[in-house]
């Protein structure tokens, strides 16, 4: 079992993102996990990210507030 507490999570930079802070919780440099990466992103009002292609699948979970996702000509608000 590998645990990363939010107080100990290290911030990391992400290209194409603005007005946000990302914390690495699992995978990459945070733990020995090799097949899954888990990050926690805190977007400020007006913050966002540009759509980009990645070999990794992405899962977004909105914990508080709401986020509007625009992709492929479709728009969805997650709350």
PDB file of N, CA and C in Angstrom:
ATOM      1  N   UNK A   1       0.846  -1.167   0.000  1.00  0.00           N
ATOM      2  CA  UNK A   1       0.000   0.000   0.000  1.00  0.00           C
ATOM      3  C   UNK A   1       0.896   1.237   0.000  1.00  0.00           C
ATOM      4  N   UNK A   2       0.560   2.178  -0.848  1.00  0.00           N
ATOM      5  CA  UNK A   2       1.296   3.437  -0.930  1.00  0.00           C
ATOM      6  C   UNK A   2       0.327   4.581  -0.695  1.00  0.00           C
ATOM      7  N   UNK A   3       0.643   5.420   0.259  1.00  0.00           N
ATOM      8  CA  UNK A   3      -0.237   6.521   0.631  1.00  0.00           C
ATOM      9  C   UNK A   3       0.496   7.840   0.426  1.00  0.00           C
ATOM     10  N   UNK A   4      -0.164   8.773  -0.235  1.00  0.00           N
ATOM     11  CA  UNK A   4       0.352  10.133  -0.355  1.00  0.00           C
ATOM     12  C   UNK A   4      -0.700  11.053   0.239  1.00  0.00           C
ATOM     13  N   UNK A   5      -0.387  11.655   1.334  1.00  0.00           N
ATOM     14  CA  UNK A   5      -1.311  12.592   1.975  1.00  0.00           C
ATOM     15  C   UNK A   5      -1.220  13.930   1.245  1.00  0.00           C
ATOM     16  N   UNK A   6      -2.340  14.642   1.143  1.00  0.00           N
ATOM     17  CA  UNK A   6      -2.353  15.890   0.374  1.00  0.00           C
ATOM     18  C   UNK A   6      -1.326  16.890   0.888  1.00  0.00           C
ATOM     19  N   UNK A   7      -1.067  16.923   2.191  1.00  0.00           N
ATOM     20  CA  UNK A   7      -0.077  17.856   2.739  1.00  0.00           C
ATOM     21  C   UNK A   7       1.337  17.536   2.270  1.00  0.00           C
ATOM     22  N   UNK A   8       1.575  16.270   1.883  1.00  0.00           N
ATOM     23  CA  UNK A   8       2.910  15.862   1.441  1.00  0.00           C
ATOM     24  C   UNK A   8       3.029  15.781  -0.085  1.00  0.00           C
ATOM     25  N   UNK A   9       1.922  15.954  -0.796  1.00  0.00           N
ATOM     26  CA  UNK A   9       1.933  15.848  -2.258  1.00  0.00           C
ATOM     27  C   UNK A   9       2.742  16.995  -2.863  1.00  0.00           C
ATOM     28  N   UNK A  10       3.532  16.662  -3.877  1.00  0.00           N
ATOM     29  CA  UNK A  10       4.359  17.672  -4.530  1.00  0.00           C
ATOM     30  C   UNK A  10       3.642  18.272  -5.739  1.00  0.00           C
ATOM     31  N   UNK A  11       3.721  19.603  -5.872  1.00  0.00           N
ATOM     32  CA  UNK A  11       3.130  20.225  -7.060  1.00  0.00           C
ATOM     33  C   UNK A  11       3.944  19.864  -8.304  1.00  0.00           C
ATOM     34  N   UNK A  12       3.295  19.842  -9.434  1.00  0.00           N
ATOM     35  CA  UNK A  12       3.998  19.610 -10.693  1.00  0.00           C
ATOM     36  C   UNK A  12       3.411  20.512 -11.770  1.00  0.00           C
ATOM     37  N   UNK A  13       4.231  20.825 -12.764  1.00  0.00           N
ATOM     38  CA  UNK A  13       3.809  21.707 -13.858  1.00  0.00           C
ATOM     39  C   UNK A  13       3.173  20.883 -14.971  1.00  0.00           C
ATOM     40  N   UNK A  14       2.148  21.434 -15.583  1.00  0.00           N
ATOM     41  CA  UNK A  14       1.500  20.783 -16.716  1.00  0.00           C
ATOM     42  C   UNK A  14       1.370  21.779 -17.858  1.00  0.00           C
ATOM     43  N   UNK A  15       1.799  21.352 -19.043  1.00  0.00           N
ATOM     44  CA  UNK A  15       1.706  22.225 -20.214  1.00  0.00           C
ATOM     45  C   UNK A  15       0.250  22.439 -20.607  1.00  0.00           C
ATOM     46  N   UNK A  16      -0.043  23.619 -21.090  1.00  0.00           N
ATOM     47  CA  UNK A  16      -1.378  23.908 -21.596  1.00  0.00           C
ATOM     48  C   UNK A  16      -2.408  24.207 -20.520  1.00  0.00           C
ATOM     49  N   UNK A  17      -1.988  24.295 -19.265  1.00  0.00           N
ATOM     50  CA  UNK A  17      -2.900  24.603 -18.162  1.00  0.00           C
ATOM     51  C   UNK A  17      -2.608  26.013 -17.659  1.00  0.00           C
ATOM     52  N   UNK A  18      -3.652  26.689 -17.186  1.00  0.00           N
ATOM     53  CA  UNK A  18      -3.436  28.012 -16.614  1.00  0.00           C
ATOM     54  C   UNK A  18      -4.357  28.219 -15.415  1.00  0.00           C
ATOM     55  N   UNK A  19      -3.911  29.039 -14.488  1.00  0.00           N
ATOM     56  CA  UNK A  19      -4.669  29.337 -13.269  1.00  0.00           C
ATOM     57  C   UNK A  19      -5.066  28.058 -12.526  1.00  0.00           C
ATOM     58  N   UNK A  20      -4.075  27.181 -12.288  1.00  0.00           N
ATOM     59  CA  UNK A  20      -4.333  25.941 -11.573  1.00  0.00           C
ATOM     60  C   UNK A  20      -3.070  25.456 -10.894  1.00  0.00           C
ATOM     61  N   UNK A  21      -3.254  24.632  -9.883  1.00  0.00           N
ATOM     62  CA  UNK A  21      -2.149  23.972  -9.192  1.00  0.00           C
ATOM     63  C   UNK A  21      -2.423  22.479  -9.242  1.00  0.00           C
ATOM     64  N   UNK A  22      -1.429  21.691  -9.665  1.00  0.00           N
ATOM     65  CA  UNK A  22      -1.573  20.240  -9.749  1.00  0.00           C
ATOM     66  C   UNK A  22      -0.676  19.582  -8.711  1.00  0.00           C
ATOM     67  N   UNK A  23      -1.210  18.591  -8.005  1.00  0.00           N
ATOM     68  CA  UNK A  23      -0.452  17.829  -7.018  1.00  0.00           C
ATOM     69  C   UNK A  23      -0.386  16.376  -7.461  1.00  0.00           C
ATOM     70  N   UNK A  24       0.798  15.772  -7.391  1.00  0.00           N
ATOM     71  CA  UNK A  24       0.988  14.365  -7.759  1.00  0.00           C
ATOM     72  C   UNK A  24       0.705  13.496  -6.543  1.00  0.00           C
ATOM     73  N   UNK A  25      -0.305  12.618  -6.638  1.00  0.00           N
ATOM     74  CA  UNK A  25      -0.678  11.749  -5.527  1.00  0.00           C
ATOM     75  C   UNK A  25      -0.145  10.328  -5.684  1.00  0.00           C
ATOM     76  N   UNK A  26      -0.206   9.781  -6.882  1.00  0.00           N
ATOM     77  CA  UNK A  26       0.281   8.426  -7.156  1.00  0.00           C
ATOM     78  C   UNK A  26       0.967   8.391  -8.506  1.00  0.00           C
ATOM     79  N   UNK A  27       1.964   7.521  -8.651  1.00  0.00           N
ATOM     80  CA  UNK A  27       2.673   7.349  -9.906  1.00  0.00           C
ATOM     81  C   UNK A  27       3.707   8.431 -10.129  1.00  0.00           C
ATOM     82  N   UNK A  28       4.349   8.357 -11.305  1.00  0.00           N
ATOM     83  CA  UNK A  28       5.421   9.284 -11.650  1.00  0.00           C
ATOM     84  C   UNK A  28       6.447   9.305 -10.521  1.00  0.00           C
ATOM     85  N   UNK A  29       6.813  10.467 -10.007  1.00  0.00           N
ATOM     86  CA  UNK A  29       7.827  10.564  -8.948  1.00  0.00           C
ATOM     87  C   UNK A  29       7.237  10.398  -7.550  1.00  0.00           C
ATOM     88  N   UNK A  30       5.908  10.345  -7.412  1.00  0.00           N
ATOM     89  CA  UNK A  30       5.275  10.307  -6.092  1.00  0.00           C
ATOM     90  C   UNK A  30       5.378   8.934  -5.425  1.00  0.00           C
ATOM     91  N   UNK A  31       5.186   7.859  -6.189  1.00  0.00           N
ATOM     92  CA  UNK A  31       5.186   6.504  -5.627  1.00  0.00           C
ATOM     93  C   UNK A  31       5.766   5.527  -6.644  1.00  0.00           C
ATOM     94  N   UNK A  32       5.838   4.264  -6.275  1.00  0.00           N
ATOM     95  CA  UNK A  32       6.355   3.222  -7.169  1.00  0.00           C
ATOM     96  C   UNK A  32       5.328   2.750  -8.189  1.00  0.00           C
ATOM     97  N   UNK A  33       4.119   3.248  -8.124  1.00  0.00           N
ATOM     98  CA  UNK A  33       3.059   2.824  -9.035  1.00  0.00           C
ATOM     99  C   UNK A  33       3.496   3.078 -10.470  1.00  0.00           C
ATOM    100  N   UNK A  34       3.371   2.055 -11.328  1.00  0.00           N
ATOM    101  CA  UNK A  34       3.853   2.171 -12.706  1.00  0.00           C
ATOM    102  C   UNK A  34       2.745   2.282 -13.745  1.00  0.00           C
ATOM    103  N   UNK A  35       1.555   1.775 -13.450  1.00  0.00           N
ATOM    104  CA  UNK A  35       0.519   1.719 -14.476  1.00  0.00           C
ATOM    105  C   UNK A  35      -0.552   2.784 -14.331  1.00  0.00           C
ATOM    106  N   UNK A  36      -0.571   3.488 -13.193  1.00  0.00           N
ATOM    107  CA  UNK A  36      -1.599   4.489 -12.949  1.00  0.00           C
ATOM    108  C   UNK A  36      -0.941   5.748 -12.406  1.00  0.00           C
ATOM    109  N   UNK A  37      -1.401   6.882 -12.874  1.00  0.00           N
ATOM    110  CA  UNK A  37      -0.964   8.162 -12.330  1.00  0.00           C
ATOM    111  C   UNK A  37      -2.200   8.881 -11.814  1.00  0.00           C
ATOM    112  N   UNK A  38      -2.115   9.405 -10.598  1.00  0.00           N
ATOM    113  CA  UNK A  38      -3.240  10.138 -10.017  1.00  0.00           C
ATOM    114  C   UNK A  38      -2.743  11.509  -9.597  1.00  0.00           C
ATOM    115  N   UNK A  39      -3.397  12.520 -10.107  1.00  0.00           N
ATOM    116  CA  UNK A  39      -3.077  13.892  -9.733  1.00  0.00           C
ATOM    117  C   UNK A  39      -4.329  14.585  -9.227  1.00  0.00           C
ATOM    118  N   UNK A  40      -4.127  15.614  -8.447  1.00  0.00           N
ATOM    119  CA  UNK A  40      -5.228  16.430  -7.953  1.00  0.00           C
ATOM    120  C   UNK A  40      -5.001  17.841  -8.464  1.00  0.00           C
ATOM    121  N   UNK A  41      -5.903  18.340  -9.283  1.00  0.00           N
ATOM    122  CA  UNK A  41      -5.765  19.673  -9.872  1.00  0.00           C
ATOM    123  C   UNK A  41      -6.774  20.624  -9.267  1.00  0.00           C
ATOM    124  N   UNK A  42      -6.293  21.753  -8.822  1.00  0.00           N
ATOM    125  CA  UNK A  42      -7.168  22.788  -8.266  1.00  0.00           C
ATOM    126  C   UNK A  42      -7.185  23.950  -9.247  1.00  0.00           C
ATOM    127  N   UNK A  43      -8.318  24.115  -9.942  1.00  0.00           N
ATOM    128  CA  UNK A  43      -8.461  25.196 -10.915  1.00  0.00           C
ATOM    129  C   UNK A  43      -9.085  26.404 -10.229  1.00  0.00           C
ATOM    130  N   UNK A  44      -8.477  27.544 -10.390  1.00  0.00           N
ATOM    131  CA  UNK A  44      -9.049  28.787  -9.906  1.00  0.00           C
ATOM    132  C   UNK A  44     -10.142  29.238 -10.863  1.00  0.00           C
ATOM    133  N   UNK A  45     -11.061  30.105 -10.441  1.00  0.00           N
ATOM    134  CA  UNK A  45     -12.064  30.623 -11.379  1.00  0.00           C
ATOM    135  C   UNK A  45     -11.374  31.235 -12.596  1.00  0.00           C
ATOM    136  N   UNK A  46     -11.831  30.870 -13.765  1.00  0.00           N
ATOM    137  CA  UNK A  46     -11.224  31.358 -15.002  1.00  0.00           C
ATOM    138  C   UNK A  46     -10.068  30.507 -15.476  1.00  0.00           C
ATOM    139  N   UNK A  47      -9.642  29.543 -14.670  1.00  0.00           N
ATOM    140  CA  UNK A  47      -8.544  28.661 -15.057  1.00  0.00           C
ATOM    141  C   UNK A  47      -9.009  27.642 -16.073  1.00  0.00           C
ATOM    142  N   UNK A  48      -8.058  26.969 -16.689  1.00  0.00           N
ATOM    143  CA  UNK A  48      -8.440  25.975 -17.674  1.00  0.00           C
ATOM    144  C   UNK A  48      -7.261  25.228 -18.240  1.00  0.00           C
ATOM    145  N   UNK A  49      -7.548  24.415 -19.231  1.00  0.00           N
ATOM    146  CA  UNK A  49      -6.534  23.609 -19.902  1.00  0.00           C
ATOM    147  C   UNK A  49      -6.921  23.460 -21.356  1.00  0.00           C
ATOM    148  N   UNK A  50      -5.925  23.438 -22.212  1.00  0.00           N
ATOM    149  CA  UNK A  50      -6.206  23.226 -23.628  1.00  0.00           C
ATOM    150  C   UNK A  50      -6.321  21.725 -23.889  1.00  0.00           C
ATOM    151  N   UNK A  51      -7.141  21.359 -24.848  1.00  0.00           N
ATOM    152  CA  UNK A  51      -7.326  19.968 -25.216  1.00  0.00           C
ATOM    153  C   UNK A  51      -6.050  19.469 -25.882  1.00  0.00           C
ATOM    154  N   UNK A  52      -5.536  18.331 -25.429  1.00  0.00           N
ATOM    155  CA  UNK A  52      -4.316  17.783 -26.024  1.00  0.00           C
ATOM    156  C   UNK A  52      -4.441  16.273 -26.118  1.00  0.00           C
ATOM    157  N   UNK A  53      -3.666  15.711 -27.029  1.00  0.00           N
ATOM    158  CA  UNK A  53      -3.660  14.261 -27.200  1.00  0.00           C
ATOM    159  C   UNK A  53      -2.623  13.667 -26.262  1.00  0.00           C
ATOM    160  N   UNK A  54      -2.957  12.542 -25.680  1.00  0.00           N
ATOM    161  CA  UNK A  54      -2.068  11.861 -24.754  1.00  0.00           C
ATOM    162  C   UNK A  54      -2.298  10.367 -24.880  1.00  0.00           C
ATOM    163  N   UNK A  55      -1.248   9.561 -24.751  1.00  0.00           N
ATOM    164  CA  UNK A  55      -1.453   8.116 -24.797  1.00  0.00           C
ATOM    165  C   UNK A  55      -2.171   7.598 -23.550  1.00  0.00           C
ATOM    166  N   UNK A  56      -2.260   8.414 -22.521  1.00  0.00           N
ATOM    167  CA  UNK A  56      -2.925   8.017 -21.281  1.00  0.00           C
ATOM    168  C   UNK A  56      -4.379   8.473 -21.277  1.00  0.00           C
ATOM    169  N   UNK A  57      -5.227   7.622 -20.703  1.00  0.00           N
ATOM    170  CA  UNK A  57      -6.615   8.025 -20.515  1.00  0.00           C
ATOM    171  C   UNK A  57      -6.671   8.978 -19.328  1.00  0.00           C
ATOM    172  N   UNK A  58      -7.646   9.870 -19.326  1.00  0.00           N
ATOM    173  CA  UNK A  58      -7.790  10.828 -18.249  1.00  0.00           C
ATOM    174  C   UNK A  58      -9.180  10.712 -17.652  1.00  0.00           C
ATOM    175  N   UNK A  59      -9.235  10.849 -16.342  1.00  0.00           N
ATOM    176  CA  UNK A  59     -10.497  10.835 -15.610  1.00  0.00           C
ATOM    177  C   UNK A  59     -10.534  12.103 -14.783  1.00  0.00           C
ATOM    178  N   UNK A  60     -11.612  12.858 -14.908  1.00  0.00           N
ATOM    179  CA  UNK A  60     -11.779  14.085 -14.128  1.00  0.00           C
ATOM    180  C   UNK A  60     -12.939  13.894 -13.166  1.00  0.00           C
ATOM    181  N   UNK A  61     -12.719  14.235 -11.909  1.00  0.00           N
ATOM    182  CA  UNK A  61     -13.757  14.182 -10.886  1.00  0.00           C
ATOM    183  C   UNK A  61     -13.846  15.571 -10.276  1.00  0.00           C
ATOM    184  N   UNK A  62     -15.015  16.177 -10.335  1.00  0.00           N
ATOM    185  CA  UNK A  62     -15.202  17.507  -9.762  1.00  0.00           C
ATOM    186  C   UNK A  62     -15.609  17.321  -8.306  1.00  0.00           C
ATOM    187  N   UNK A  63     -14.771  17.818  -7.391  1.00  0.00           N
ATOM    188  CA  UNK A  63     -15.007  17.667  -5.959  1.00  0.00           C
ATOM    189  C   UNK A  63     -15.826  18.831  -5.423  1.00  0.00           C
ATOM    190  N   UNK A  64     -15.572  20.025  -5.945  1.00  0.00           N
ATOM    191  CA  UNK A  64     -16.304  21.216  -5.512  1.00  0.00           C
ATOM    192  C   UNK A  64     -16.408  22.169  -6.691  1.00  0.00           C
ATOM    193  N   UNK A  65     -17.483  22.925  -6.738  1.00  0.00           N
ATOM    194  CA  UNK A  65     -17.669  23.888  -7.826  1.00  0.00           C
ATOM    195  C   UNK A  65     -18.135  23.197  -9.094  1.00  0.00           C
ATOM    196  N   UNK A  66     -17.777  23.762 -10.226  1.00  0.00           N
ATOM    197  CA  UNK A  66     -18.135  23.164 -11.513  1.00  0.00           C
ATOM    198  C   UNK A  66     -17.058  23.458 -12.530  1.00  0.00           C
ATOM    199  N   UNK A  67     -17.028  22.645 -13.580  1.00  0.00           N
ATOM    200  CA  UNK A  67     -16.046  22.802 -14.645  1.00  0.00           C
ATOM    201  C   UNK A  67     -16.757  22.549 -15.969  1.00  0.00           C
ATOM    202  N   UNK A  68     -16.496  23.388 -16.958  1.00  0.00           N
ATOM    203  CA  UNK A  68     -17.067  23.213 -18.288  1.00  0.00           C
ATOM    204  C   UNK A  68     -16.018  22.593 -19.185  1.00  0.00           C
ATOM    205  N   UNK A  69     -16.378  21.494 -19.841  1.00  0.00           N
ATOM    206  CA  UNK A  69     -15.486  20.784 -20.746  1.00  0.00           C
ATOM    207  C   UNK A  69     -16.011  20.972 -22.160  1.00  0.00           C
ATOM    208  N   UNK A  70     -15.116  21.399 -23.065  1.00  0.00           N
ATOM    209  CA  UNK A  70     -15.475  21.578 -24.464  1.00  0.00           C
ATOM    210  C   UNK A  70     -14.552  20.675 -25.282  1.00  0.00           C
ATOM    211  N   UNK A  71     -15.140  19.727 -26.020  1.00  0.00           N
ATOM    212  CA  UNK A  71     -14.345  18.788 -26.822  1.00  0.00           C
ATOM    213  C   UNK A  71     -15.172  18.318 -28.004  1.00  0.00           C
ATOM    214  N   UNK A  72     -14.554  18.270 -29.160  1.00  0.00           N
ATOM    215  CA  UNK A  72     -15.234  17.755 -30.346  1.00  0.00           C
ATOM    216  C   UNK A  72     -16.503  18.504 -30.691  1.00  0.00           C
ATOM    217  N   UNK A  73     -16.532  19.813 -30.396  1.00  0.00           N
ATOM    218  CA  UNK A  73     -17.702  20.609 -30.695  1.00  0.00           C
ATOM    219  C   UNK A  73     -18.827  20.460 -29.686  1.00  0.00           C
ATOM    220  N   UNK A  74     -18.624  19.646 -28.654  1.00  0.00           N
ATOM    221  CA  UNK A  74     -19.641  19.474 -27.614  1.00  0.00           C
ATOM    222  C   UNK A  74     -19.185  20.156 -26.333  1.00  0.00           C
ATOM    223  N   UNK A  75     -20.132  20.599 -25.526  1.00  0.00           N
ATOM    224  CA  UNK A  75     -19.840  21.267 -24.272  1.00  0.00           C
ATOM    225  C   UNK A  75     -20.648  20.602 -23.155  1.00  0.00           C
ATOM    226  N   UNK A  76     -19.967  20.340 -22.029  1.00  0.00           N
ATOM    227  CA  UNK A  76     -20.653  19.744 -20.879  1.00  0.00           C
ATOM    228  C   UNK A  76     -20.156  20.427 -19.616  1.00  0.00           C
ATOM    229  N   UNK A  77     -21.064  20.715 -18.701  1.00  0.00           N
ATOM    230  CA  UNK A  77     -20.695  21.295 -17.417  1.00  0.00           C
ATOM    231  C   UNK A  77     -20.756  20.200 -16.377  1.00  0.00           C
ATOM    232  N   UNK A  78     -19.636  19.989 -15.694  1.00  0.00           N
ATOM    233  CA  UNK A  78     -19.539  18.994 -14.635  1.00  0.00           C
ATOM    234  C   UNK A  78     -19.663  19.688 -13.303  1.00  0.00           C
ATOM    235  N   UNK A  79     -20.475  19.179 -12.414  1.00  0.00           N
ATOM    236  CA  UNK A  79     -20.666  19.789 -11.090  1.00  0.00           C
ATOM    237  C   UNK A  79     -20.699  18.724 -10.016  1.00  0.00           C
TER     238      UNK A  79
END
